[in-house]
Amino acid sequence: MKTRPARRAPPKLARASANIFAALAKKTKFIDPSLAESWPALAGERIAALSRPGRITGQGRDKTLEIHVRDGAAASEVQMQSDELIRRLNAYLGPRSLARLHIRQSGRARATPPRPEAREADDDSPLGAALASFRSAVKRRNPDR
């Protein structure tokens, strides 16, 4: 009497769920996982810090990519770079894959990058004197800051 061979171990949860979620994302047209993964390289670090990709809508050559941003300033920044961003995305997705971008202020984009430290102006310059005066006025009004 022969016995049956031992069963193979089940696949790792991460690998099995990644395939399911990737298929679901494609089916619902919400977001292409590979696009989300390579977003910083495609959009550039500055734009990627301000935004995240959303779903792709439309058919044929008239597709639109939704880009979610946190606020109006980020939307303006992305809008100014939109032509270059479309060019990079079309190079990644295929020629003339995207026709336009739809920028949405959703408040759910990545946190904006930390502001660079304010440059200290020379104290000898008029700007440095004005800044020093302003700082001292702010400290007088708000000593805890």
Protein backbone atom coordinates (compact mmCIF):
# COMPACT_ATOMS: atom_id res chain seq x y z
CA MET A 1 0.00 0.00 0.00
CA LYS A 2 1.44 3.34 -1.08
CA THR A 3 1.04 6.48 0.92
CA ARG A 4 0.34 9.83 -0.56
CA PRO A 5 3.22 12.32 -0.77
CA ALA A 6 3.41 14.98 1.90
CA ARG A 7 1.61 18.22 1.19
CA ARG A 8 3.59 21.27 0.30
CA ALA A 9 3.70 24.05 2.85
CA PRO A 10 1.27 26.89 2.26
CA PRO A 11 2.72 29.99 0.60
CA LYS A 12 3.92 32.82 2.78
CA LEU A 13 1.13 35.19 3.68
CA ALA A 14 2.88 38.26 2.27
CA ARG A 15 3.37 36.66 -1.14
CA ALA A 16 -0.18 35.29 -1.33
CA SER A 17 -1.80 38.53 -0.18
CA ALA A 18 0.35 40.68 -2.48
CA ASN A 19 -1.03 38.85 -5.52
CA ILE A 20 -4.60 39.18 -4.26
CA PHE A 21 -4.27 42.89 -3.49
CA ALA A 22 -2.51 43.62 -6.77
CA ALA A 23 -5.33 41.92 -8.69
CA LEU A 24 -7.94 43.76 -6.64
CA ALA A 25 -6.25 47.11 -7.22
CA LYS A 26 -6.11 46.48 -10.95
CA LYS A 27 -9.72 45.35 -11.03
CA THR A 28 -10.99 48.42 -9.19
CA LYS A 29 -8.56 50.70 -11.06
CA PHE A 30 -7.63 52.28 -7.76
CA ILE A 31 -3.88 52.24 -7.91
CA ASP A 32 -1.26 50.20 -9.67
CA PRO A 33 0.99 48.78 -6.93
CA SER A 34 4.08 49.02 -9.11
CA LEU A 35 3.30 52.69 -9.79
CA ALA A 36 2.95 53.40 -6.07
CA GLU A 37 6.19 51.58 -5.36
CA SER A 38 8.17 53.49 -7.97
CA TRP A 39 6.45 56.85 -7.38
CA PRO A 40 9.48 58.54 -5.71
CA ALA A 41 11.70 57.63 -8.66
CA LEU A 42 9.13 58.71 -11.25
CA ALA A 43 7.92 61.92 -9.66
CA GLY A 44 11.15 62.98 -8.00
CA GLU A 45 11.75 63.23 -4.28
CA ARG A 46 10.18 66.66 -3.86
CA ILE A 47 6.92 65.86 -5.68
CA ALA A 48 6.74 62.40 -4.11
CA ALA A 49 6.97 63.96 -0.65
CA LEU A 50 4.04 66.24 -1.49
CA SER A 51 1.80 63.73 -3.24
CA ARG A 52 0.79 60.15 -3.88
CA PRO A 53 -0.67 58.54 -7.00
CA GLY A 54 -4.32 57.56 -7.14
CA ARG A 55 -6.38 55.69 -9.67
CA ILE A 56 -6.07 55.80 -13.43
CA THR A 57 -9.35 56.53 -15.19
CA GLY A 58 -10.35 56.72 -18.83
CA GLN A 59 -9.74 54.48 -21.80
CA GLY A 60 -7.29 54.30 -24.64
CA ARG A 61 -5.09 57.34 -24.99
CA ASP A 62 -7.40 59.55 -22.94
CA LYS A 63 -6.37 58.26 -19.51
CA THR A 64 -6.10 60.47 -16.45
CA LEU A 65 -4.06 59.84 -13.33
CA GLU A 66 -5.41 61.19 -10.05
CA ILE A 67 -2.75 62.63 -7.80
CA HIS A 68 -3.62 63.24 -4.16
CA VAL A 69 -2.00 66.19 -2.42
CA ARG A 70 -2.40 67.58 1.08
CA ASP A 71 -3.04 71.27 0.42
CA GLY A 72 -3.17 74.04 -2.17
CA ALA A 73 0.52 74.80 -2.03
CA ALA A 74 1.35 71.19 -2.86
CA ALA A 75 -1.26 71.23 -5.64
CA SER A 76 0.38 74.30 -7.17
CA GLU A 77 3.81 72.68 -7.00
CA VAL A 78 2.55 69.50 -8.69
CA GLN A 79 0.63 71.52 -11.29
CA MET A 80 3.78 73.45 -12.23
CA GLN A 81 5.63 70.16 -12.78
CA SER A 82 2.72 68.40 -14.54
CA ASP A 83 4.16 68.39 -18.08
CA GLU A 84 7.43 66.86 -16.92
CA LEU A 85 5.56 64.40 -14.70
CA ILE A 86 3.33 63.25 -17.58
CA ARG A 87 6.42 62.75 -19.73
CA ARG A 88 8.10 60.60 -17.07
CA LEU A 89 4.94 58.59 -16.40
CA ASN A 90 4.42 57.94 -20.11
CA ALA A 91 8.01 56.72 -20.35
CA TYR A 92 7.25 54.30 -17.50
CA LEU A 93 3.71 53.20 -18.48
CA GLY A 94 4.14 53.26 -22.23
CA PRO A 95 3.99 55.91 -24.93
CA ARG A 96 0.97 58.21 -24.67
CA SER A 97 -0.55 56.20 -21.81
CA LEU A 98 -1.61 59.29 -19.87
CA ALA A 99 -3.15 62.40 -21.34
CA ARG A 100 -3.55 64.46 -18.19
CA LEU A 101 -3.31 64.63 -14.41
CA HIS A 102 -6.17 65.30 -12.04
CA ILE A 103 -4.85 66.85 -8.84
CA ARG A 104 -7.04 66.35 -5.78
CA GLN A 105 -6.60 67.97 -2.41
CA SER A 106 -7.45 65.12 -0.11
CA GLY A 107 -5.35 65.81 2.96
CA ARG A 108 -4.20 62.20 2.89
CA ALA A 109 -0.99 62.62 0.96
CA ARG A 110 2.34 62.04 2.63
CA ALA A 111 3.42 64.60 5.13
CA THR A 112 5.21 67.53 3.61
CA PRO A 113 8.96 67.42 4.01
CA PRO A 114 10.39 69.33 6.92
CA ARG A 115 11.17 72.91 6.10
CA PRO A 116 14.84 73.68 5.76
CA GLU A 117 16.17 75.67 8.66
CA ALA A 118 15.79 79.39 8.15
CA ARG A 119 19.01 80.88 6.98
CA GLU A 120 20.49 83.34 9.34
CA ALA A 121 21.14 86.62 7.59
CA ASP A 122 24.27 88.55 8.45
CA ASP A 123 23.59 90.83 11.39
CA ASP A 124 25.38 93.64 9.55
CA SER A 125 22.85 93.68 6.73
CA PRO A 126 19.50 95.52 6.90
CA LEU A 127 17.72 92.19 6.47
CA GLY A 128 19.61 90.67 9.40
CA ALA A 129 18.71 93.62 11.62
CA ALA A 130 15.04 93.40 10.60
CA LEU A 131 14.95 89.67 11.28
CA ALA A 132 16.58 90.10 14.66
CA SER A 133 14.03 92.78 15.57
CA PHE A 134 11.19 90.55 14.42
CA ARG A 135 12.49 87.56 16.41
CA SER A 136 12.78 89.60 19.57
CA ALA A 137 9.21 90.94 19.14
CA VAL A 138 7.88 87.41 18.68
CA LYS A 139 9.76 86.19 21.76
CA ARG A 140 8.37 89.06 23.85
CA ARG A 141 4.81 88.18 22.84
CA ASN A 142 5.29 84.39 23.07
CA PRO A 143 8.06 83.59 25.53
CA ASP A 144 7.47 79.83 25.26
CA ARG A 145 8.34 79.73 21.54
